[in-house]
Protein backbone atom coordinates (compact mmCIF):
# COMPACT_ATOMS: atom_id res chain seq x y z
CA UNK A 1 14.62 21.48 -3.51
CA UNK A 2 15.07 22.37 -7.21
CA UNK A 3 18.74 21.37 -6.88
CA UNK A 4 17.78 17.98 -5.46
CA UNK A 5 15.26 17.53 -8.24
CA UNK A 6 17.96 18.35 -10.81
CA UNK A 7 20.32 15.84 -9.20
CA UNK A 8 17.63 13.18 -9.29
CA UNK A 9 17.23 13.64 -13.05
CA UNK A 10 20.97 13.83 -13.64
CA UNK A 11 21.62 10.68 -11.61
CA UNK A 12 19.55 8.50 -13.91
CA UNK A 13 21.55 6.38 -16.34
CA UNK A 14 20.94 6.93 -20.04
CA UNK A 15 19.27 3.53 -20.34
CA UNK A 16 16.61 4.61 -17.88
CA UNK A 17 15.68 7.58 -20.02
CA UNK A 18 15.57 5.68 -23.29
CA UNK A 19 14.25 2.21 -22.49
CA UNK A 20 10.58 1.59 -23.16
CA UNK A 21 10.69 -2.09 -22.21
CA UNK A 22 9.27 -3.66 -19.12
CA UNK A 23 6.08 -3.13 -17.14
CA UNK A 24 5.31 0.17 -15.47
CA UNK A 25 4.58 -0.06 -11.73
CA UNK A 26 3.02 2.97 -10.08
CA UNK A 27 3.79 3.36 -6.35
CA UNK A 28 0.96 5.35 -4.78
CA UNK A 29 2.43 6.16 -1.41
CA UNK A 30 4.21 8.71 0.78
CA UNK A 31 6.97 9.55 -1.68
CA UNK A 32 9.77 7.63 -3.37
CA UNK A 33 13.51 8.36 -3.32
CA UNK A 34 14.29 8.34 -7.04
CA UNK A 35 17.98 8.89 -6.21
CA UNK A 36 18.28 5.57 -4.37
CA UNK A 37 20.76 3.26 -6.05
CA UNK A 38 18.16 0.48 -6.29
CA UNK A 39 15.51 2.70 -7.83
CA UNK A 40 17.28 5.25 -10.06
CA UNK A 41 18.16 2.69 -12.78
CA UNK A 42 14.49 1.69 -12.99
CA UNK A 43 12.87 5.10 -12.61
CA UNK A 44 10.02 5.73 -15.00
CA UNK A 45 10.68 8.75 -17.19
CA UNK A 46 7.85 10.62 -18.89
CA UNK A 47 8.77 10.61 -22.59
CA UNK A 48 6.52 13.60 -23.25
CA UNK A 49 8.06 15.92 -20.64
CA UNK A 50 11.28 17.94 -20.56
CA UNK A 51 12.77 18.20 -17.10
CA UNK A 52 13.21 21.42 -15.13
CA UNK A 53 11.77 23.88 -17.63
CA UNK A 54 8.55 24.72 -15.73
CA UNK A 55 6.39 23.74 -18.70
CA UNK A 56 3.80 21.07 -19.38
CA UNK A 57 4.94 19.66 -22.72
CA UNK A 58 2.57 16.70 -22.78
CA UNK A 59 -0.41 18.90 -21.86
CA UNK A 60 -1.71 16.57 -19.14
CA UNK A 61 -1.99 19.32 -16.53
CA UNK A 62 0.98 18.11 -14.46
CA UNK A 63 3.93 20.37 -15.13
CA UNK A 64 7.38 18.69 -15.18
CA UNK A 65 5.99 15.31 -14.09
CA UNK A 66 9.17 13.57 -15.20
CA UNK A 67 9.06 10.74 -12.63
CA UNK A 68 5.49 11.12 -11.39
CA UNK A 69 3.45 13.62 -9.38
CA UNK A 70 2.93 14.88 -5.84
CA UNK A 71 -0.86 15.08 -5.57
CA UNK A 72 -0.77 16.40 -2.03
CA UNK A 73 1.16 19.56 -2.79
CA UNK A 74 0.49 19.88 -6.50
CA UNK A 75 4.04 19.64 -7.79
CA UNK A 76 6.56 17.20 -9.25
CA UNK A 77 8.58 16.73 -6.02
CA UNK A 78 7.84 13.07 -5.33
CA UNK A 79 9.67 12.99 -1.97
CA UNK A 80 10.59 15.56 0.69
CA UNK A 81 14.34 15.24 1.13
CA UNK A 82 14.34 17.54 4.16
CA UNK A 83 13.65 14.41 6.27
CA UNK A 84 16.91 12.72 5.28
CA UNK A 85 18.91 11.85 8.38
CA UNK A 86 15.90 11.04 10.56
CA UNK A 87 16.62 7.29 10.67
CA UNK A 88 18.00 6.83 14.19
CA UNK A 89 19.57 3.76 15.79
CA UNK A 90 16.51 3.45 18.05
CA UNK A 91 14.20 3.31 15.03
CA UNK A 92 16.40 0.72 13.35
CA UNK A 93 16.56 -1.35 16.54
CA UNK A 94 12.79 -1.16 16.99
CA UNK A 95 12.13 -2.62 13.54
CA UNK A 96 14.70 -5.37 14.19
CA UNK A 97 13.06 -6.24 17.53
CA UNK A 98 9.65 -6.23 15.85
CA UNK A 99 10.88 -8.90 13.44
CA UNK A 100 12.48 -11.04 16.16
CA UNK A 101 9.27 -10.94 18.19
CA UNK A 102 7.31 -12.47 15.32
CA UNK A 103 10.00 -15.06 14.61
CA UNK A 104 10.15 -16.10 18.25
CA UNK A 105 13.82 -15.14 18.61
CA UNK A 106 13.48 -11.98 20.71
CA UNK A 107 15.53 -11.66 23.92
CA UNK A 108 13.96 -10.56 27.20
CA UNK A 109 16.19 -7.48 27.15
CA UNK A 110 15.06 -6.40 23.67
CA UNK A 111 11.42 -7.11 24.47
CA UNK A 112 11.54 -5.01 27.62
CA UNK A 113 13.25 -2.21 25.68
CA UNK A 114 10.62 -2.27 22.92
CA UNK A 115 7.77 -2.24 25.44
CA UNK A 116 9.29 0.83 26.99
CA UNK A 117 9.67 2.56 23.62
CA UNK A 118 6.01 2.14 22.65
CA UNK A 119 5.10 3.99 25.84
CA UNK A 120 7.35 6.91 24.87
CA UNK A 121 5.18 9.47 23.05
CA UNK A 122 8.19 11.28 21.58
CA UNK A 123 9.55 8.06 20.11
CA UNK A 124 6.17 7.04 18.68
CA UNK A 125 5.88 10.45 17.02
CA UNK A 126 9.44 10.14 15.71
CA UNK A 127 9.01 6.63 14.27
CA UNK A 128 5.62 7.54 12.78
CA UNK A 129 7.11 10.53 10.94
CA UNK A 130 10.06 8.49 9.71
CA UNK A 131 7.74 5.62 8.83
CA UNK A 132 5.80 7.89 6.51
CA UNK A 133 8.98 9.32 5.01
CA UNK A 134 10.57 5.98 4.15
CA UNK A 135 7.39 4.06 3.36
CA UNK A 136 7.09 4.69 -0.38
CA UNK A 137 10.78 4.02 -1.01
CA UNK A 138 10.66 0.75 0.95
CA UNK A 139 7.55 -0.36 -0.93
CA UNK A 140 9.01 0.68 -4.28
CA UNK A 141 12.21 -1.23 -3.63
CA UNK A 142 10.27 -4.43 -2.93
CA UNK A 143 8.23 -4.13 -6.11
CA UNK A 144 11.39 -3.80 -8.24
CA UNK A 145 13.47 -6.52 -6.57
CA UNK A 146 12.72 -9.33 -9.01
CA UNK A 147 11.71 -7.21 -12.00
CA UNK A 148 14.86 -5.63 -13.51
CA UNK A 149 12.99 -4.47 -16.61
CA UNK A 150 10.15 -2.75 -14.75
CA UNK A 151 9.89 1.02 -14.39
CA UNK A 152 8.70 2.77 -11.22
CA UNK A 153 6.29 5.68 -11.54
CA UNK A 154 6.11 7.66 -8.27
CA UNK A 155 2.85 9.09 -6.94
CA UNK A 156 2.99 10.94 -3.64
CA UNK A 157 -0.17 10.87 -1.55
CA UNK A 158 0.26 12.75 1.75
CA UNK A 159 -2.45 13.36 4.36
CA UNK A 160 -4.12 16.74 4.01
CA UNK A 161 -6.26 18.71 6.42
CA UNK A 162 -9.92 18.50 5.50
CA UNK A 163 -12.44 21.05 6.74
CA UNK A 164 -15.75 19.38 7.31
CA UNK A 165 -19.06 21.01 6.38
CA UNK A 166 -22.05 20.73 8.67
CA UNK A 167 -20.44 21.39 12.05
CA UNK A 168 -22.16 24.77 12.46
CA UNK A 169 -25.60 23.28 11.75
CA UNK A 170 -24.91 20.42 14.16
CA UNK A 171 -24.17 22.84 16.99
CA UNK A 172 -27.51 24.57 16.42
CA UNK A 173 -29.55 21.39 15.98
CA UNK A 174 -31.31 20.03 19.06
CA UNK A 175 -32.47 16.60 17.90
CA UNK A 176 -29.94 13.77 18.29
CA UNK A 177 -31.27 12.14 15.13
CA UNK A 178 -30.65 15.37 13.21
CA UNK A 179 -27.14 15.61 14.66
CA UNK A 180 -26.49 12.01 13.65
CA UNK A 181 -27.77 12.70 10.14
CA UNK A 182 -25.47 15.73 9.87
CA UNK A 183 -22.51 13.67 11.09
CA UNK A 184 -23.16 11.03 8.45
CA UNK A 185 -23.50 13.72 5.80
CA UNK A 186 -20.14 15.21 6.82
CA UNK A 187 -18.46 11.80 6.83
CA UNK A 188 -19.93 11.04 3.42
CA UNK A 189 -18.58 14.29 2.01
CA UNK A 190 -15.17 13.56 3.55
CA UNK A 191 -15.16 10.10 1.97
CA UNK A 192 -16.24 11.51 -1.38
CA UNK A 193 -13.49 14.12 -1.27
CA UNK A 194 -10.78 11.56 -0.61
CA UNK A 195 -12.00 9.21 -3.30
CA UNK A 196 -12.19 12.05 -5.81
CA UNK A 197 -8.48 12.60 -5.23
CA UNK A 198 -7.80 8.89 -5.59
CA UNK A 199 -9.90 8.81 -8.76
CA UNK A 200 -7.71 11.59 -10.17
CA UNK A 201 -4.61 9.62 -9.19
CA UNK A 202 -5.97 6.47 -10.85
CA UNK A 203 -6.70 8.40 -14.04
CA UNK A 204 -3.16 9.79 -13.93
CA UNK A 205 -1.46 6.38 -13.64
CA UNK A 206 -3.88 4.94 -16.19
CA UNK A 207 -3.12 7.69 -18.70
CA UNK A 208 0.57 6.96 -18.24
CA UNK A 209 -0.19 3.31 -19.02
CA UNK A 210 0.82 1.87 -15.67
CA UNK A 211 0.37 -1.89 -15.80
CA UNK A 212 0.32 -2.25 -12.01
CA UNK A 213 -0.36 0.23 -9.22
CA UNK A 214 0.58 -0.59 -5.63
CA UNK A 215 -1.43 0.97 -2.81
CA UNK A 216 0.05 0.18 0.60
CA UNK A 217 -2.18 2.68 2.36
CA UNK A 218 -5.66 2.63 3.77
CA UNK A 219 -8.26 3.38 6.38
CA UNK A 220 -9.14 0.42 8.59
CA UNK A 221 -11.90 0.04 11.15
CA UNK A 222 -9.79 1.29 14.11
CA UNK A 223 -8.56 4.36 12.19
CA UNK A 224 -12.03 5.14 10.83
CA UNK A 225 -13.50 4.77 14.30
CA UNK A 226 -10.95 7.23 15.68
CA UNK A 227 -11.87 9.72 12.94
CA UNK A 228 -15.57 9.28 13.69
CA UNK A 229 -15.04 9.69 17.44
CA UNK A 230 -13.02 12.86 16.90
CA UNK A 231 -15.59 14.37 14.58
CA UNK A 232 -18.57 12.94 16.39
CA UNK A 233 -17.84 14.95 19.51
CA UNK A 234 -18.19 18.17 17.49
CA UNK A 235 -21.64 17.04 16.32
CA UNK A 236 -22.93 15.03 19.30
CA UNK A 237 -21.29 15.78 22.65
CA UNK A 238 -22.52 12.59 24.32
CA UNK A 239 -22.17 10.31 21.28
CA UNK A 240 -22.65 6.64 22.19
CA UNK A 241 -20.57 3.60 21.22
CA UNK A 242 -23.44 2.35 19.08
CA UNK A 243 -23.64 5.67 17.25
CA UNK A 244 -19.88 5.64 16.68
CA UNK A 245 -20.04 2.11 15.24
CA UNK A 246 -22.98 3.04 13.02
CA UNK A 247 -21.21 6.13 11.70
CA UNK A 248 -17.93 4.23 11.24
CA UNK A 249 -19.60 1.61 9.08
CA UNK A 250 -21.32 4.33 7.06
CA UNK A 251 -17.98 6.10 6.56
CA UNK A 252 -16.13 2.98 5.40
CA UNK A 253 -19.01 1.76 3.23
CA UNK A 254 -19.01 5.14 1.50
CA UNK A 255 -15.25 5.05 0.98
CA UNK A 256 -15.43 1.58 -0.56
CA UNK A 257 -18.46 2.36 -2.68
CA UNK A 258 -16.91 5.57 -4.03
CA UNK A 259 -13.66 3.68 -4.55
CA UNK A 260 -15.27 1.84 -7.45
CA UNK A 261 -14.87 5.08 -9.43
CA UNK A 262 -11.17 5.08 -8.62
CA UNK A 263 -10.34 1.66 -10.07
CA UNK A 264 -12.75 2.21 -12.96
CA UNK A 265 -10.69 5.27 -13.95
CA UNK A 266 -7.78 2.96 -14.91
CA UNK A 267 -9.33 -0.28 -16.22
CA UNK A 268 -6.06 -1.47 -17.78
CA UNK A 269 -4.16 -1.16 -14.49
CA UNK A 270 -4.09 -3.88 -11.83
CA UNK A 271 -4.41 -2.25 -8.38
CA UNK A 272 -2.65 -4.15 -5.59
CA UNK A 273 -3.83 -3.12 -2.11
CA UNK A 274 -2.46 -4.01 1.33
CA UNK A 275 -5.11 -5.73 3.48
CA UNK A 276 -4.28 -3.77 6.65
CA UNK A 277 -2.26 -4.22 9.85
CA UNK A 278 -4.98 -4.42 12.49
CA UNK A 279 -5.20 -8.23 12.71
CA UNK A 280 -8.94 -8.18 12.00
CA UNK A 281 -11.40 -9.76 9.56
CA UNK A 282 -12.06 -7.41 6.64
CA UNK A 283 -15.27 -9.33 5.91
CA UNK A 284 -16.67 -8.07 9.21
CA UNK A 285 -14.73 -4.84 9.72
CA UNK A 286 -14.29 -3.13 6.33
CA UNK A 287 -10.99 -1.56 5.27
CA UNK A 288 -10.57 0.92 2.41
CA UNK A 289 -9.45 0.77 -0.36
CA UNK A 290 -8.52 -2.92 -0.12
CA UNK A 291 -12.18 -4.01 0.18
CA UNK A 292 -13.02 -2.58 -3.24
CA UNK A 293 -14.26 -5.48 -5.34
CA UNK A 294 -13.27 -5.31 -9.01
CA UNK A 295 -11.57 -7.40 -11.69
CA UNK A 296 -8.55 -5.08 -11.58
CA UNK A 297 -8.11 -5.14 -7.77
CA UNK A 298 -6.21 -7.68 -5.69
CA UNK A 299 -6.02 -7.55 -1.88
CA UNK A 300 -2.97 -8.93 -0.07
CA UNK A 301 -2.45 -10.36 3.43
CA UNK A 302 0.98 -10.86 5.03
CA UNK A 303 2.70 -14.05 6.18
CA UNK A 304 5.74 -14.96 8.25
CA UNK A 305 7.93 -16.47 5.55
CA UNK A 306 5.76 -19.33 4.22
CA UNK A 307 4.60 -21.02 7.41
CA UNK A 308 2.14 -18.70 9.22
CA UNK A 309 -0.07 -15.71 8.72
CA UNK A 310 1.48 -12.64 10.32
CA UNK A 311 -0.22 -11.84 13.65
CA UNK A 312 -0.86 -8.23 12.59
CA UNK A 313 -2.27 -9.07 9.16
CA UNK A 314 -5.89 -8.43 8.28
CA UNK A 315 -7.62 -11.31 6.53
CA UNK A 316 -10.99 -12.16 4.98
CA UNK A 317 -12.31 -15.19 3.15
CA UNK A 318 -14.35 -12.91 0.89
CA UNK A 319 -12.42 -9.61 0.91
CA UNK A 320 -8.72 -10.58 0.95
CA UNK A 321 -7.50 -12.43 -2.13
CA UNK A 322 -4.03 -13.83 -1.52
CA UNK A 323 -1.03 -13.68 0.80
CA UNK A 324 2.68 -12.92 0.46
CA UNK A 325 5.67 -12.62 2.83
CA UNK A 326 5.45 -9.50 4.98
CA UNK A 327 7.69 -9.96 8.04
CA UNK A 328 11.26 -8.66 8.28
CA UNK A 329 11.41 -7.63 4.62
CA UNK A 330 14.62 -5.79 3.78
CA UNK A 331 14.32 -3.05 1.20
CA UNK A 332 15.49 0.41 0.24
CA UNK A 333 14.91 3.48 2.40
CA UNK A 334 15.84 7.07 1.50
CA UNK A 335 19.49 8.02 1.40
CA UNK A 336 20.83 4.75 -0.09
CA UNK A 337 20.08 2.90 3.11
CA UNK A 338 18.20 -0.34 3.86
CA UNK A 339 15.83 -1.45 6.60
CA UNK A 340 13.88 -4.56 7.56
CA UNK A 341 10.21 -3.66 7.98
CA UNK A 342 7.05 -5.72 8.54
CA UNK A 343 3.50 -5.15 7.36
CA UNK A 344 0.93 -5.88 4.70
CA UNK A 345 2.56 -2.81 3.15
CA UNK A 346 5.51 -5.08 2.39
CA UNK A 347 3.41 -8.04 1.20
CA UNK A 348 1.46 -6.01 -1.37
CA UNK A 349 4.47 -4.80 -3.42
CA UNK A 350 5.76 -8.39 -3.48
CA UNK A 351 2.57 -9.23 -5.39
CA UNK A 352 2.89 -6.05 -7.47
CA UNK A 353 6.35 -7.21 -8.54
CA UNK A 354 5.03 -10.64 -9.51
CA UNK A 355 2.19 -9.02 -11.45
CA UNK A 356 4.73 -6.92 -13.35
CA UNK A 357 6.72 -10.05 -14.23
CA UNK A 358 3.57 -11.81 -15.40
CA UNK A 359 2.67 -8.82 -17.59
CA UNK A 360 6.18 -8.66 -19.04
CA UNK A 361 6.04 -12.38 -19.86
CA UNK A 362 2.76 -12.01 -21.74
CA UNK A 363 1.94 -8.34 -22.49
CA UNK A 364 -1.48 -9.32 -23.85
CA UNK A 365 -2.79 -10.38 -20.44
CA UNK A 366 -5.49 -8.18 -18.93
CA UNK A 367 -5.53 -7.14 -15.25
CA UNK A 368 -8.27 -9.72 -14.64
CA UNK A 369 -6.14 -12.47 -16.24
CA UNK A 370 -3.05 -11.46 -14.26
CA UNK A 371 -5.11 -11.59 -11.06
CA UNK A 372 -6.46 -15.01 -12.03
CA UNK A 373 -2.97 -16.35 -12.68
CA UNK A 374 -1.63 -15.11 -9.33
CA UNK A 375 -4.57 -16.50 -7.38
CA UNK A 376 -4.77 -19.88 -9.14
CA UNK A 377 -1.05 -20.65 -9.02
CA UNK A 378 -0.69 -20.23 -5.24
CA UNK A 379 0.88 -22.66 -2.81
CA UNK A 380 -2.12 -23.86 -0.82
CA UNK A 381 -1.60 -23.43 2.92
CA UNK A 382 -3.70 -24.85 5.75
CA UNK A 383 -3.04 -21.72 7.82
CA UNK A 384 -4.64 -19.60 5.09
CA UNK A 385 -7.80 -21.65 4.61
CA UNK A 386 -10.72 -19.41 5.41
CA UNK A 387 -8.37 -16.43 5.65
CA UNK A 388 -7.98 -15.47 1.98
CA UNK A 389 -9.98 -16.23 -1.16
CA UNK A 390 -7.16 -18.23 -2.79
CA UNK A 391 -6.46 -20.33 0.35
CA UNK A 392 -2.77 -19.82 -0.26
CA UNK A 393 0.22 -17.59 -0.93
CA UNK A 394 1.86 -16.45 -4.12
CA UNK A 395 4.21 -18.75 -6.03
CA UNK A 396 6.03 -16.31 -8.29
CA UNK A 397 7.83 -18.94 -10.40
CA UNK A 398 4.59 -20.80 -11.07
CA UNK A 399 2.71 -17.58 -11.91
CA UNK A 400 5.39 -16.48 -14.38
CA UNK A 401 5.47 -19.95 -15.95
CA UNK A 402 1.68 -19.84 -16.36
CA UNK A 403 2.01 -16.47 -18.09
CA UNK A 404 4.62 -17.96 -20.44
CA UNK A 405 2.43 -20.96 -21.20
CA UNK A 406 -0.54 -18.68 -21.85
CA UNK A 407 1.23 -17.39 -24.95
CA UNK A 408 0.32 -20.63 -26.72
CA UNK A 409 -2.44 -22.11 -24.54
CA UNK A 410 -5.74 -21.11 -23.03
CA UNK A 411 -5.45 -19.49 -19.61
CA UNK A 412 -6.94 -22.40 -17.64
CA UNK A 413 -4.73 -24.92 -19.40
CA UNK A 414 -1.65 -22.74 -18.89
CA UNK A 415 -2.37 -22.57 -15.16
CA UNK A 416 -2.90 -26.34 -14.92
CA UNK A 417 0.35 -27.04 -16.75
CA UNK A 418 2.25 -24.58 -14.56
CA UNK A 419 0.88 -26.24 -11.42
CA UNK A 420 2.21 -29.55 -12.71
CA UNK A 421 5.63 -28.24 -13.70
CA UNK A 422 6.49 -25.91 -10.80
CA UNK A 423 6.73 -27.21 -7.24
CA UNK A 424 5.67 -25.39 -4.10
CA UNK A 425 8.23 -22.98 -2.65
CA UNK A 426 10.12 -24.35 0.36
CA UNK A 427 10.23 -22.15 3.45
CA UNK A 428 13.58 -20.44 3.93
CA UNK A 429 13.16 -20.11 7.69
CA UNK A 430 14.29 -23.10 9.74
CA UNK A 431 12.91 -21.80 13.02
CA UNK A 432 9.17 -22.31 12.68
CA UNK A 433 8.30 -21.32 16.25
CA UNK A 434 5.84 -18.45 16.36
CA UNK A 435 6.59 -15.34 18.35
CA UNK A 436 4.76 -13.87 21.30
CA UNK A 437 1.43 -12.12 20.72
CA UNK A 438 2.02 -8.64 19.33
CA UNK A 439 1.07 -5.80 21.59
CA UNK A 440 -0.54 -2.60 20.35
CA UNK A 441 2.04 -0.27 18.86
CA UNK A 442 4.53 -2.92 17.69
CA UNK A 443 3.36 -2.66 14.07
CA UNK A 444 2.48 0.69 12.51
CA UNK A 445 -0.90 0.94 10.78
CA UNK A 446 -1.07 1.58 7.05
CA UNK A 447 -0.37 5.20 6.11
CA UNK A 448 -3.70 7.01 6.25
CA UNK A 449 -4.84 9.77 3.92
CA UNK A 450 -6.88 11.53 6.61
CA UNK A 451 -5.51 14.12 9.00
CA UNK A 452 -7.81 15.66 11.58
CA UNK A 453 -6.76 18.31 14.07
CA UNK A 454 -8.03 17.69 17.55
């Protein structure tokens, strides 16, 4: 692993180690391949750290954090290269079929094949592992696509086993109300523990002056409910559906409430969060961390090109801010390869990239002002009315023009002028027929920070 780390440093061009221009985009994810040909030239390099000497020159507590930090394992290895070679033809075909289903171009043969694959437990395990491995690289590649001056700071956040307190007391308790109270206490402590880690991560990217931080991860209602059901049985053997729902809401509400500390730890960073891939209303069924409400947070739904909301995308008139393309997005995956993947995970870094361009255009803009520009320069879409706060999807050219105009005008005037000057983006897809309804398993959920052993 040390050899791979050395190669990663050596592979960076001199310009990458010397340039201080451009916005810094932190990718908080499952690991990023800093050797990838699309990423290496734009890799963030810590100016206060000397590589490979096992010292902490900048005194920030993160030894050798040249490109970022692995918070899961406490080291500077921002990706696990032992998983290279796990991209199979079946995995590649599955992602291709997934895209064709949503575009309405899937063949009966491919559809039947995909339906068979989602019933194959070994394949689901295989694609889930690979999905985690490639996820951060794919997201990072999207964020850099239109921002050649930006630098990518890698933060690896991998699920860790959490031992829950309170299980022993719950087994001894006789009252169901006491057991329920103990379950909620345990869930609250679990939520607090995760958000403490995320608060540390936010402070880290903030201290390294990240302008934008992309978070294509989260815990949605279905995932939280599964966690609660798994834990609930150790507290209350005959736990009811109503009790599970009550505890799930408590768990998510705690995550979101504690998440305020996370984004407050980096007030000069704009956090871009994926809305979730469960196809549900985040106003009714909370999702963390995307439901955190703050001036430096923007939540992103996914669309099929520019003509429909993606069938898997979460939405929310109050909790989801804006939309961006998230179906069949080609980007980098580890090992200098490329893959088309769909998800709000892919829509969020599109917005992160636009935010970086806006910041580069006018470095004086605050996270709140960048968010305002992105949301008020959207292309309004009927299919997004009542689905996202902005009622539309990002128009990157208009947002960047507004940032340019804001150098010599007030923000509101700059936005109005940009709306006049820059036309709506025309859809690139000629076939506007929607695909068949997506079945469970066709789109992977957001990477989740919780791992619980059954």
